[in-house]
Amino acid sequence: QVQLVESGGGLVQAGGSLRLSCAASGSIFSLLPMGWYRQAPGQQREFVASITRDGSTNYAERVNGRFTISRDNAKKTAYLQMNSLKPEDTAVYYCAAPRTVTWGPPGYWGQGTQVTVSS
C-alpha cells in the first residue's frame, strides 16, 4: 500500500514560482512511476506531468517548458517545480501513482494541495 501526501501549495502572483512535494510511504516507491494531476473549479481533473522510476518525464502541452517533475527515491518524494505561473494554473494539484511499474491510470492519490495564481 502507498500513501501520498502533498505539500507546497499556496498563493503566488503571476510569473512567480512554487515547488510542490509529494511524500510517499511504502517500500515500493522507487518502483513506481509518479505523476501530478490538477483540477480547477468546474473542470475535470487533468494530467500535468509524470516521471518513470528511471527518470523519464512527460508533460502536458500547456505546462511543458514551465514545469519540471523530479523525484528522489532515497527520500521517497516526488516534486513539481512550477515556474512562470499563470492564473490559469490555479487548481488543486494531486500527486498520483499507478499500481503498476509502468505509467497508467492512477491507483494511488494524495489529498491535494491548492495552488492559486493571482493576476
Protein backbone atom coordinates (compact mmCIF):
# COMPACT_ATOMS: atom_id res chain seq x y z
CA GLN A 1 0.00 0.00 0.00
CA VAL A 2 1.21 3.51 -0.84
CA GLN A 3 0.09 6.73 0.79
CA LEU A 4 0.83 10.08 -0.82
CA VAL A 5 0.90 13.45 0.95
CA GLU A 6 1.32 16.70 -0.99
CA SER A 7 2.66 19.98 0.33
CA GLY A 8 3.92 23.28 -1.00
CA GLY A 9 0.80 24.83 -2.43
CA GLY A 10 -0.15 28.43 -1.80
CA LEU A 11 -0.87 31.83 -3.28
CA VAL A 12 1.56 33.32 -5.77
CA GLN A 13 1.48 36.18 -8.25
CA ALA A 14 1.51 35.54 -11.97
CA GLY A 15 5.05 34.96 -13.16
CA GLY A 16 6.09 33.51 -9.84
CA SER A 17 7.20 30.02 -8.85
CA LEU A 18 6.18 27.26 -6.46
CA ARG A 19 7.54 23.81 -5.72
CA LEU A 20 5.16 21.06 -4.75
CA SER A 21 6.32 18.00 -2.87
CA CYS A 22 4.75 14.56 -2.64
CA ALA A 23 5.95 12.39 0.22
CA ALA A 24 5.20 8.70 -0.14
CA SER A 25 5.03 5.86 2.31
CA GLY A 26 5.67 2.26 1.38
CA SER A 27 8.73 0.35 0.27
CA ILE A 28 7.76 0.20 -3.41
CA PHE A 29 8.03 3.92 -4.13
CA SER A 30 11.22 3.54 -6.15
CA LEU A 31 9.49 1.03 -8.44
CA LEU A 32 6.51 3.19 -9.28
CA PRO A 33 6.09 5.95 -11.83
CA MET A 34 4.84 9.16 -10.21
CA GLY A 35 2.65 11.87 -11.60
CA TRP A 36 0.83 15.10 -10.96
CA TYR A 37 -2.71 16.00 -11.92
CA ARG A 38 -4.73 19.14 -11.30
CA GLN A 39 -8.36 20.10 -11.10
CA ALA A 40 -9.68 23.62 -11.46
CA PRO A 41 -13.16 24.59 -10.20
CA GLY A 42 -15.86 23.28 -12.50
CA GLN A 43 -13.39 21.38 -14.65
CA GLN A 44 -12.28 17.79 -14.98
CA ARG A 45 -9.08 16.59 -13.41
CA GLU A 46 -6.26 16.75 -15.95
CA PHE A 47 -2.83 15.26 -16.34
CA VAL A 48 0.10 17.59 -15.67
CA ALA A 49 3.30 15.54 -15.65
CA SER A 50 4.75 12.11 -14.96
CA ILE A 51 8.12 10.57 -14.27
CA THR A 52 9.19 6.95 -14.52
CA ARG A 53 11.27 5.18 -11.91
CA ASP A 54 14.28 5.78 -14.16
CA GLY A 55 13.61 9.49 -14.50
CA SER A 56 11.99 9.75 -17.91
CA THR A 57 9.45 12.57 -17.93
CA ASN A 58 6.31 13.51 -19.78
CA TYR A 59 4.37 16.79 -19.64
CA ALA A 60 1.03 18.16 -20.68
CA GLU A 61 1.45 20.61 -23.52
CA ARG A 62 0.15 23.58 -21.55
CA VAL A 63 2.85 23.23 -18.86
CA ASN A 64 5.75 21.98 -20.98
CA GLY A 65 8.73 24.27 -20.60
CA ARG A 66 7.41 25.86 -17.40
CA PHE A 67 7.00 22.89 -15.03
CA THR A 68 9.60 20.29 -14.08
CA ILE A 69 8.84 16.97 -12.40
CA SER A 70 11.55 15.17 -10.46
CA ARG A 71 11.93 12.53 -7.80
CA ASP A 72 14.26 11.50 -5.00
CA ASN A 73 13.89 7.78 -4.42
CA ALA A 74 16.00 7.85 -1.27
CA LYS A 75 13.61 10.37 0.26
CA LYS A 76 10.53 8.72 -1.29
CA THR A 77 9.49 12.11 -2.57
CA ALA A 78 8.38 13.49 -5.90
CA TYR A 79 8.45 17.17 -6.79
CA LEU A 80 6.81 19.54 -9.21
CA GLN A 81 8.71 22.77 -9.81
CA MET A 82 6.34 25.32 -11.33
CA ASN A 83 7.79 28.45 -12.93
CA SER A 84 6.23 31.30 -14.88
CA LEU A 85 2.91 30.57 -13.27
CA LYS A 86 -0.27 31.87 -14.89
CA PRO A 87 -3.72 32.49 -13.43
CA GLU A 88 -4.99 29.54 -15.46
CA ASP A 89 -2.66 27.28 -13.45
CA THR A 90 -4.91 27.84 -10.44
CA ALA A 91 -6.17 24.44 -9.31
CA VAL A 92 -5.93 21.75 -6.69
CA TYR A 93 -2.84 19.71 -7.53
CA TYR A 94 -2.80 15.99 -6.83
CA CYS A 95 0.09 13.59 -6.62
CA ALA A 96 -0.69 10.20 -8.10
CA ALA A 97 0.82 6.84 -8.93
CA PRO A 98 -0.37 3.75 -10.77
CA ARG A 99 -0.50 0.35 -9.13
CA THR A 100 1.94 -1.00 -11.70
CA VAL A 101 5.57 -0.29 -12.58
CA THR A 102 4.56 1.26 -15.90
CA TRP A 103 2.63 4.52 -16.20
CA GLY A 104 -1.12 4.13 -16.36
CA PRO A 105 -4.34 5.26 -14.71
CA PRO A 106 -3.51 6.19 -11.12
CA GLY A 107 -4.47 3.83 -8.35
CA TYR A 108 -3.00 5.96 -5.58
CA TRP A 109 -3.91 9.59 -4.95
CA GLY A 110 -2.87 12.23 -2.49
CA GLN A 111 -5.34 14.56 -0.81
CA GLY A 112 -4.39 17.54 -3.00
CA THR A 113 -2.83 20.92 -2.40
CA GLN A 114 -4.29 24.24 -3.53
CA VAL A 115 -2.33 26.46 -5.89
CA THR A 116 -3.72 29.93 -6.54
CA VAL A 117 -2.11 32.28 -9.04
CA SER A 118 -3.23 35.89 -8.89
CA SER A 119 -3.09 38.21 -11.88
